[in-house]
Amino acid sequence: MTYRLAVIGTGYLGATHAACMAELGFEVLGIDADHEKVARLAAGDLPVHEPGLEQLLRRNVDAGRLAFTTSFEEVAEFGDVHFLCVGTPQRADSDAADLSQVNGAINALIPHLRRECLIVGKSTVPVGTAAKLAERITEGAPIGDGAELAWNPEFLREGHAVQDTLRPDRIVIGTASERAEKVLREVYAKLLADGTPLVITDYQTAELVKVSANAFLATKISFINAMAEVCEASRADVTKLSEALSYDDRIGGRFLNPGLGFGGGCLPKDIRAFLARAGELGVEQALSFLREVDAINLRRRTRTVDLARELLGGTLAGKVIGVLGASFKPGSDDIRDSPALDVASTISDQGGTVTVYDPAALANARRVHPHLGYATSTREAMRDADAVLLLTEWREFRDMDPEDVGKVVRARNIIDARNALDAVHWRGAGWTYRALGRP
């Protein structure tokens, strides 16, 4: 059977999943409450920055395999499989996940479910959510138990989302029925035929996979950044320490890059929501180490500001600071919980005159941080700067010629908060080079 797929929510996850499933040959209908976003997507215009995704979107819209709507009634009539891809941000009043978008989407969909279908959750939710949703769907849908639920967590890396969807390193399916498993095996048949590992489990385990993975990765990042603190105190070099550790097969080098730490819309809010859910389950002590993981991560931002102040003689007031980077990572325009913008704003609050440049995230940064200055190029951001801070490791920053850019600054001072530059090369060009965790 050839299934028609609906994708509920067309943010970063939903837009990626919709375009990629259309690329696999399915007819796909995406839905969102934002009329402007739906109009842009229908015209093949991607609202976010993600390498390769806009071309995929346009190709499948033009081919007639991918369309968008704001009507849940239309989606219910169209879809055999409904992928739930809405956001679960941190609540404003606590560390817990805000499930209002999940609940709102389910409540809007189920009254229209009059034929057999499968709803597939991809959003990151607290463990126990799927079982409650499955009960609500059965009780509320006109088709009754003809509408089933499965949980299929996403593992996208911003900047690599197309690859991670079309060539995933694993597919996890949490299900309570053989029928739901059969349907998703057929939906993902091409990926499974290419050798993608498949894990079939229950709802609860599937829900835990994504938050557990993020908690582990956050812990690994914070571990090497904790070692950076020790290295600074002992005048050791954390980059060499990281290199030496990476050759140990039990440890590996991925996510062992010392620097400014993690940000974005997943790791910070997911580890906090995980802790909050563990508290509700009465096992908060088991995850108490994640509080220190979060604290270590935030301390790297404070240390970067301190390093800038030390470099400039003890004060940031009246100093001109060029900031390279606004997105939380290269390859993305996402500024959610961006360490770069956190540092830039703190320096501005302490009297520094800050000018920010980023290859993709300027529009988003201007909207959220209008008090900062912005430039349209690397050189413009660095012009007449007393110090330059590299805060997001875009390739164009890594590839800078220190002699060339040194011509536009007031003083050749640079803080490499991502350990992305060749210290010897920059010092050889007359720069005072400082980096986190290095002498």
Protein backbone atom coordinates (compact mmCIF):
# COMPACT_ATOMS: atom_id res chain seq x y z
CA MET A 1 0.00 0.00 0.00
CA THR A 2 1.19 3.54 -0.80
CA TYR A 3 0.47 5.77 2.15
CA ARG A 4 -0.30 9.47 2.04
CA LEU A 5 1.52 11.33 4.79
CA ALA A 6 0.53 14.39 6.78
CA VAL A 7 3.03 16.42 8.80
CA ILE A 8 1.57 18.44 11.68
CA GLY A 9 3.75 21.47 12.44
CA THR A 10 6.05 22.96 9.82
CA GLY A 11 8.83 24.40 11.93
CA TYR A 12 12.39 23.15 11.61
CA LEU A 13 11.54 19.49 12.26
CA GLY A 14 8.25 19.44 10.37
CA ALA A 15 9.49 21.23 7.26
CA THR A 16 12.49 18.90 7.09
CA HIS A 17 10.44 15.75 7.57
CA ALA A 18 7.79 16.83 5.05
CA ALA A 19 10.30 17.65 2.31
CA CYS A 20 12.37 14.52 2.91
CA MET A 21 9.38 12.16 2.91
CA ALA A 22 8.23 13.75 -0.35
CA GLU A 23 11.73 13.20 -1.70
CA LEU A 24 11.29 9.50 -0.87
CA GLY A 25 8.26 9.50 -3.18
CA PHE A 26 5.31 9.99 -0.82
CA GLU A 27 2.47 12.44 -1.28
CA VAL A 28 2.82 14.78 1.71
CA LEU A 29 0.55 17.46 3.15
CA GLY A 30 1.97 19.75 5.84
CA ILE A 31 -0.20 21.76 8.22
CA ASP A 32 0.52 24.76 10.40
CA ALA A 33 -1.55 27.38 12.20
CA ASP A 34 0.72 30.14 10.86
CA HIS A 35 -0.89 31.25 7.59
CA GLU A 36 2.18 33.26 6.52
CA LYS A 37 4.51 30.28 7.05
CA VAL A 38 2.16 28.00 5.09
CA ALA A 39 2.06 30.49 2.19
CA ARG A 40 5.86 30.72 2.11
CA LEU A 41 6.34 26.96 2.18
CA ALA A 42 3.71 26.45 -0.52
CA ALA A 43 5.72 28.86 -2.68
CA GLY A 44 8.89 26.86 -2.04
CA ASP A 45 10.34 29.49 0.30
CA LEU A 46 12.01 27.99 3.40
CA PRO A 47 11.62 30.19 6.53
CA VAL A 48 14.73 28.73 8.22
CA HIS A 49 18.36 28.24 7.20
CA GLU A 50 19.24 24.60 6.63
CA PRO A 51 21.75 23.49 3.97
CA GLY A 52 20.11 21.62 1.08
CA LEU A 53 16.57 21.80 2.45
CA GLU A 54 15.19 24.67 0.37
CA GLN A 55 16.17 22.92 -2.89
CA LEU A 56 14.44 19.76 -1.65
CA LEU A 57 11.34 21.74 -0.69
CA ARG A 58 11.06 23.51 -4.04
CA ARG A 59 11.67 20.35 -6.06
CA ASN A 60 8.88 18.46 -4.35
CA VAL A 61 6.43 21.37 -4.29
CA ASP A 62 7.01 21.81 -8.04
CA ALA A 63 6.58 18.06 -8.58
CA GLY A 64 3.19 18.13 -6.84
CA ARG A 65 4.22 15.69 -4.12
CA LEU A 66 4.29 18.30 -1.34
CA ALA A 67 1.60 20.80 -0.35
CA PHE A 68 0.63 22.79 2.73
CA THR A 69 -2.60 23.79 4.45
CA THR A 70 -4.06 25.29 7.62
CA SER A 71 -7.07 22.92 7.71
CA PHE A 72 -7.12 19.95 10.09
CA GLU A 73 -10.21 18.66 8.33
CA GLU A 74 -8.29 18.55 5.05
CA VAL A 75 -5.35 16.82 6.74
CA ALA A 76 -7.58 14.17 8.33
CA GLU A 77 -9.22 13.39 4.99
CA PHE A 78 -5.86 13.25 3.24
CA GLY A 79 -3.51 11.38 5.56
CA ASP A 80 -3.07 7.70 6.26
CA VAL A 81 -0.14 8.51 8.56
CA HIS A 82 0.06 11.77 10.55
CA PHE A 83 3.51 12.79 11.81
CA LEU A 84 3.34 15.05 14.87
CA CYS A 85 6.27 17.50 14.62
CA VAL A 86 5.30 20.44 16.83
CA GLY A 87 7.57 22.16 19.33
CA THR A 88 7.95 21.37 23.02
CA PRO A 89 9.79 24.40 24.43
CA GLN A 90 10.64 24.95 28.07
CA ARG A 91 7.73 26.29 30.09
CA ALA A 92 7.91 29.92 31.17
CA ASP A 93 7.20 29.07 34.81
CA SER A 94 9.42 25.98 35.26
CA ASP A 95 12.04 23.73 33.66
CA ALA A 96 9.35 21.30 32.45
CA ALA A 97 8.42 20.87 28.79
CA ASP A 98 5.50 22.92 27.48
CA LEU A 99 3.14 20.44 25.81
CA SER A 100 0.55 23.00 24.74
CA GLN A 101 1.41 22.62 21.05
CA VAL A 102 1.25 18.82 21.28
CA ASN A 103 -2.08 18.88 23.08
CA GLY A 104 -3.46 21.57 20.80
CA ALA A 105 -2.56 19.65 17.65
CA ILE A 106 -4.03 16.38 18.93
CA ASN A 107 -7.22 18.10 20.09
CA ALA A 108 -7.61 19.79 16.70
CA LEU A 109 -6.99 16.59 14.72
CA ILE A 110 -8.93 13.84 16.48
CA PRO A 111 -12.50 15.13 15.89
CA HIS A 112 -11.88 14.73 12.15
CA LEU A 113 -10.46 11.17 12.24
CA ARG A 114 -13.22 9.19 10.55
CA ARG A 115 -11.09 6.56 8.83
CA GLU A 116 -8.30 4.22 9.84
CA CYS A 117 -5.00 6.02 10.38
CA LEU A 118 -1.79 6.13 12.38
CA ILE A 119 -0.55 9.16 14.33
CA VAL A 120 3.23 9.14 14.76
CA GLY A 121 4.81 11.37 17.40
CA LYS A 122 8.23 12.77 16.55
CA SER A 123 8.28 15.65 19.04
CA THR A 124 10.48 15.35 22.14
CA VAL A 125 8.12 14.80 25.06
CA PRO A 126 8.37 13.72 28.72
CA VAL A 127 8.20 9.98 29.22
CA GLY A 128 4.59 8.90 29.77
CA THR A 129 3.10 11.40 27.33
CA ALA A 130 2.44 8.93 24.50
CA ALA A 131 0.35 6.57 26.61
CA LYS A 132 -1.92 9.43 27.65
CA LEU A 133 -2.25 10.66 24.07
CA ALA A 134 -3.07 7.17 22.80
CA GLU A 135 -5.95 6.93 25.26
CA ARG A 136 -7.21 10.39 24.31
CA ILE A 137 -7.09 9.55 20.59
CA THR A 138 -9.06 6.32 21.00
CA GLU A 139 -11.69 8.02 23.14
CA GLY A 140 -12.04 11.14 21.01
CA ALA A 141 -11.68 10.02 17.40
CA PRO A 142 -14.89 9.12 15.52
CA ILE A 143 -13.07 6.04 14.16
CA GLY A 144 -12.28 4.92 17.74
CA ASP A 145 -9.45 2.40 17.94
CA GLY A 146 -9.06 2.68 14.17
CA ALA A 147 -6.83 5.65 14.97
CA GLU A 148 -3.61 4.39 16.57
CA LEU A 149 -0.48 6.03 17.94
CA ALA A 150 3.23 5.26 17.58
CA TRP A 151 6.27 7.18 18.79
CA ASN A 152 9.20 7.73 16.43
CA PRO A 153 11.70 10.22 17.92
CA GLU A 154 13.74 12.48 15.67
CA PHE A 155 17.52 12.73 15.85
CA LEU A 156 18.22 15.74 13.64
CA ARG A 157 21.37 17.83 13.89
CA GLU A 158 20.88 21.38 12.70
CA GLY A 159 23.07 21.91 9.66
CA HIS A 160 22.78 18.19 8.77
CA ALA A 161 19.01 17.66 8.91
CA VAL A 162 18.50 16.45 5.34
CA GLN A 163 21.24 13.85 5.67
CA ASP A 164 19.97 12.78 9.10
CA THR A 165 16.45 12.23 7.72
CA LEU A 166 17.35 10.49 4.45
CA ARG A 167 20.32 8.53 5.87
CA PRO A 168 19.60 8.17 9.60
CA ASP A 169 21.91 6.26 11.91
CA ARG A 170 18.89 4.48 13.44
CA ILE A 171 15.08 4.42 13.43
CA VAL A 172 13.29 3.95 16.75
CA ILE A 173 9.62 3.02 16.86
CA GLY A 174 7.60 2.83 20.06
CA THR A 175 4.33 1.06 19.48
CA ALA A 176 1.56 -0.86 21.18
CA SER A 177 0.36 -2.80 18.12
CA GLU A 178 1.66 -4.95 15.28
CA ARG A 179 -0.35 -2.89 12.79
CA ALA A 180 1.43 0.35 13.74
CA GLU A 181 4.81 -1.38 13.43
CA LYS A 182 3.85 -2.78 10.01
CA VAL A 183 2.78 0.63 8.71
CA LEU A 184 6.01 2.33 9.77
CA ARG A 185 8.14 -0.51 8.39
CA GLU A 186 6.47 0.17 5.05
CA VAL A 187 6.86 3.95 5.33
CA TYR A 188 10.57 3.58 6.07
CA ALA A 189 11.11 0.63 3.69
CA LYS A 190 13.70 2.44 1.52
CA LEU A 191 15.76 3.47 4.53
CA LEU A 192 15.58 0.01 6.06
CA ALA A 193 16.60 -1.55 2.75
CA ASP A 194 19.72 0.62 2.85
CA GLY A 195 20.66 -1.00 6.15
CA THR A 196 19.43 1.57 8.68
CA PRO A 197 19.16 -0.16 12.09
CA LEU A 198 15.61 -0.43 13.45
CA VAL A 199 14.68 -0.60 17.13
CA ILE A 200 11.10 -1.60 17.99
CA THR A 201 10.10 -0.89 21.57
CA ASP A 202 7.32 0.44 23.81
CA TYR A 203 6.14 4.04 24.07
CA GLN A 204 8.10 4.86 27.20
CA THR A 205 11.47 3.62 25.94
CA ALA A 206 11.03 5.42 22.61
CA GLU A 207 10.27 8.65 24.46
CA LEU A 208 13.40 8.25 26.58
CA VAL A 209 15.79 7.64 23.67
CA LYS A 210 15.99 11.26 22.45
CA VAL A 211 16.31 12.90 25.88
CA SER A 212 18.80 10.26 27.00
CA ALA A 213 20.93 10.85 23.90
CA ASN A 214 20.86 14.61 24.45
CA ALA A 215 21.69 14.22 28.14
CA PHE A 216 24.69 12.05 27.25
CA LEU A 217 25.97 14.47 24.61
CA ALA A 218 25.51 17.44 26.93
CA THR A 219 27.44 15.58 29.62
CA LYS A 220 30.30 14.85 27.25
CA ILE A 221 30.52 18.50 26.16
CA SER A 222 30.42 19.74 29.73
CA PHE A 223 33.01 17.17 30.78
CA ILE A 224 35.65 18.53 28.42
CA ASN A 225 34.69 22.08 29.39
CA ALA A 226 35.13 21.17 33.05
CA MET A 227 38.59 19.92 32.09
CA ALA A 228 39.14 23.30 30.41
CA GLU A 229 38.58 24.97 33.79
CA VAL A 230 41.21 22.69 35.32
CA CYS A 231 43.58 23.38 32.42
CA GLU A 232 43.24 27.14 32.87
CA ALA A 233 44.07 26.81 36.56
CA SER A 234 47.07 24.55 35.91
CA ARG A 235 48.29 26.14 32.65
CA ALA A 236 47.67 22.94 30.70
CA ASP A 237 46.24 22.84 27.15
CA VAL A 238 42.71 21.44 26.90
CA THR A 239 42.92 21.01 23.11
CA LYS A 240 45.85 18.62 23.47
CA LEU A 241 44.10 16.89 26.36
CA SER A 242 41.02 16.43 24.18
CA GLU A 243 43.13 15.09 21.32
CA ALA A 244 44.80 12.55 23.57
CA LEU A 245 41.44 11.40 24.98
CA SER A 246 39.92 11.09 21.50
CA TYR A 247 42.27 8.23 20.56
CA ASP A 248 40.72 6.08 23.29
CA ASP A 249 38.05 4.01 21.53
CA ARG A 250 35.99 3.96 24.72
CA ILE A 251 35.76 7.78 24.65
CA GLY A 252 36.07 8.97 21.04
CA GLY A 253 36.52 12.49 19.79
CA ARG A 254 33.00 13.50 18.81
CA PHE A 255 31.44 16.14 21.08
CA LEU A 256 34.77 16.42 22.87
CA ASN A 257 35.62 19.86 21.50
CA PRO A 258 36.26 22.35 24.31
CA GLY A 259 34.89 25.85 24.01
CA LEU A 260 31.91 28.07 24.69
CA GLY A 261 29.51 25.17 25.21
CA PHE A 262 26.17 24.09 23.85
CA GLY A 263 23.00 26.02 23.16
CA GLY A 264 20.11 25.81 20.71
CA GLY A 265 16.56 24.61 21.00
CA CYS A 266 17.27 21.03 22.10
CA LEU A 267 20.09 20.25 24.53
CA PRO A 268 19.52 22.95 27.16
CA LYS A 269 15.73 22.64 27.40
CA ASP A 270 15.77 18.84 27.02
CA ILE A 271 18.11 18.20 29.96
CA ARG A 272 16.09 20.60 32.13
CA ALA A 273 12.80 18.95 31.12
CA PHE A 274 14.36 15.52 31.74
CA LEU A 275 15.29 16.59 35.26
CA ALA A 276 11.80 17.97 35.85
CA ARG A 277 10.16 14.74 34.69
CA ALA A 278 12.54 12.66 36.82
CA GLY A 279 11.39 14.70 39.81
CA GLU A 280 7.75 13.96 39.00
CA LEU A 281 8.62 10.26 38.84
CA GLY A 282 10.46 10.41 42.16
CA VAL A 283 13.90 9.63 40.70
CA GLU A 284 15.39 13.13 40.45
CA GLN A 285 18.49 12.02 42.37
CA ALA A 286 19.39 9.68 39.49
CA LEU A 287 19.78 12.67 37.18
CA SER A 288 21.12 15.22 39.65
CA PHE A 289 24.45 15.30 37.78
CA LEU A 290 22.64 17.05 34.91
CA ARG A 291 22.33 20.17 37.07
CA GLU A 292 26.11 20.44 37.16
CA VAL A 293 26.27 19.68 33.42
CA ASP A 294 24.02 22.70 32.86
CA ALA A 295 26.00 24.84 35.31
CA ILE A 296 29.37 24.00 33.70
CA ASN A 297 27.93 24.92 30.32
CA LEU A 298 26.71 28.31 31.52
CA ARG A 299 30.02 29.03 33.29
CA ARG A 300 31.84 28.94 29.95
CA ARG A 301 29.86 32.00 28.86
CA THR A 302 30.78 33.87 32.02
CA ARG A 303 34.43 32.87 31.60
CA THR A 304 34.48 34.20 28.03
CA VAL A 305 33.29 37.60 29.23
CA ASP A 306 35.87 37.53 32.03
CA LEU A 307 38.59 36.67 29.52
CA ALA A 308 37.62 39.66 27.37
CA ARG A 309 37.74 41.94 30.38
CA GLU A 310 41.16 40.60 31.40
CA LEU A 311 42.47 41.07 27.87
CA LEU A 312 41.33 44.70 27.84
CA GLY A 313 42.90 45.78 31.11
CA GLY A 314 40.10 45.02 33.54
CA THR A 315 37.12 46.83 32.02
CA LEU A 316 34.80 46.49 29.03
CA ALA A 317 33.31 49.98 29.41
CA GLY A 318 33.99 52.09 26.36
CA LYS A 319 35.69 49.26 24.48
CA VAL A 320 34.79 48.32 20.90
CA ILE A 321 34.16 44.59 20.55
CA GLY A 322 33.77 42.71 17.27
CA VAL A 323 31.72 39.54 17.70
CA LEU A 324 31.90 36.81 15.08
CA GLY A 325 28.88 34.57 15.33
CA ALA A 326 25.28 34.81 16.51
CA SER A 327 23.77 31.38 15.81
CA PHE A 328 24.23 28.69 18.43
CA LYS A 329 26.22 26.59 15.93
CA PRO A 330 27.56 26.95 12.37
CA GLY A 331 25.28 25.91 9.52
CA SER A 332 22.16 27.27 11.23
CA ASP A 333 20.28 30.53 11.75
CA ASP A 334 18.92 29.29 15.09
CA ILE A 335 19.64 31.70 17.96
CA ARG A 336 17.67 29.91 20.69
CA ASP A 337 19.79 29.90 23.85
CA SER A 338 22.75 31.03 21.75
CA PRO A 339 25.97 31.21 23.79
CA ALA A 340 27.31 33.77 21.30
CA LEU A 341 24.45 36.22 21.78
CA ASP A 342 24.47 35.65 25.53
CA VAL A 343 28.12 36.71 25.66
CA ALA A 344 27.56 39.64 23.28
CA SER A 345 24.62 40.93 25.35
CA THR A 346 26.55 40.62 28.62
CA ILE A 347 29.46 42.61 27.19
CA SER A 348 27.02 45.25 25.95
CA ASP A 349 25.41 45.42 29.40
CA GLN A 350 28.87 46.04 30.87
CA GLY A 351 29.48 49.06 28.66
CA GLY A 352 31.14 47.54 25.61
CA THR A 353 30.18 48.67 22.12
CA VAL A 354 29.39 45.40 20.38
CA THR A 355 29.11 44.75 16.64
CA VAL A 356 27.96 41.26 15.60
CA TYR A 357 28.29 39.47 12.27
CA ASP A 358 26.90 36.05 11.36
CA PRO A 359 26.52 34.53 7.88
CA ALA A 360 22.94 33.33 8.46
CA ALA A 361 21.45 34.51 11.75
CA LEU A 362 21.56 38.32 11.55
CA ALA A 363 17.82 38.80 10.96
CA ASN A 364 16.92 36.58 13.91
CA ALA A 365 19.53 38.21 16.14
CA ARG A 366 18.37 41.74 15.28
CA ARG A 367 14.78 40.83 16.13
CA VAL A 368 15.60 39.42 19.57
CA HIS A 369 18.58 41.64 20.48
CA PRO A 370 17.92 45.03 18.83
CA HIS A 371 20.24 46.79 21.30
CA LEU A 372 23.34 45.23 19.74
CA GLY A 373 25.17 46.57 16.71
CA TYR A 374 25.29 44.48 13.53
CA ALA A 375 27.55 44.29 10.50
CA THR A 376 27.16 42.77 7.05
CA SER A 377 30.63 41.26 6.84
CA THR A 378 33.45 39.91 8.97
CA ARG A 379 35.68 42.89 8.28
CA GLU A 380 32.93 45.37 9.09
CA ALA A 381 32.32 43.70 12.46
CA MET A 382 36.04 43.87 13.25
CA ARG A 383 36.61 47.46 12.14
CA ASP A 384 38.32 49.57 14.86
CA ALA A 385 37.78 46.78 17.41
CA ASP A 386 39.78 46.73 20.63
CA ALA A 387 39.13 42.97 20.73
CA VAL A 388 37.53 40.35 18.50
CA LEU A 389 35.58 37.40 19.89
CA LEU A 390 35.06 34.30 17.74
CA LEU A 391 31.91 32.79 19.25
CA THR A 392 30.46 30.59 16.47
CA GLU A 393 32.90 28.57 14.40
CA TRP A 394 31.63 29.27 10.87
CA ARG A 395 34.15 28.22 8.20
CA GLU A 396 34.65 31.77 6.96
CA PHE A 397 35.83 32.71 10.45
CA ARG A 398 38.12 29.71 10.72
CA ASP A 399 39.63 30.58 7.34
CA MET A 400 40.36 34.24 8.13
CA ASP A 401 43.83 35.55 7.26
CA PRO A 402 45.09 37.12 10.52
CA GLU A 403 47.37 39.54 8.67
CA ASP A 404 44.57 40.74 6.40
CA VAL A 405 41.90 41.25 9.08
CA GLY A 406 44.54 42.73 11.38
CA LYS A 407 44.55 45.80 9.12
CA VAL A 408 41.02 46.85 10.15
CA VAL A 409 41.15 46.45 13.94
CA ARG A 410 42.35 49.03 16.47
CA ALA A 411 44.24 46.39 18.45
CA ARG A 412 45.16 42.82 17.51
CA ASN A 413 43.40 41.06 20.38
CA ILE A 414 41.34 37.94 19.75
CA ILE A 415 39.49 35.48 21.96
CA ASP A 416 38.90 32.15 20.26
CA ALA A 417 36.00 30.84 22.33
CA ARG A 418 35.60 27.80 20.08
CA ASN A 419 39.26 26.76 19.82
CA ALA A 420 38.82 26.96 16.06
CA LEU A 421 41.93 28.94 15.07
CA ASP A 422 45.64 28.13 14.78
CA ALA A 423 47.13 29.92 17.78
CA VAL A 424 50.68 29.84 16.40
CA HIS A 425 49.56 31.35 13.09
CA TRP A 426 47.63 34.18 14.77
CA ARG A 427 50.32 34.97 17.30
CA GLY A 428 52.83 35.00 14.48
CA ALA A 429 50.78 37.76 12.84
CA GLY A 430 51.09 39.89 15.97
CA TRP A 431 47.80 39.03 17.63
CA THR A 432 47.36 38.55 21.36
CA TYR A 433 45.52 35.22 21.21
CA ARG A 434 43.48 33.85 24.10
CA ALA A 435 41.26 30.78 24.19
CA LEU A 436 39.23 28.84 26.73
CA GLY A 437 41.27 26.15 28.47
CA ARG A 438 44.61 27.09 26.90
CA PRO A 439 47.64 28.88 28.34
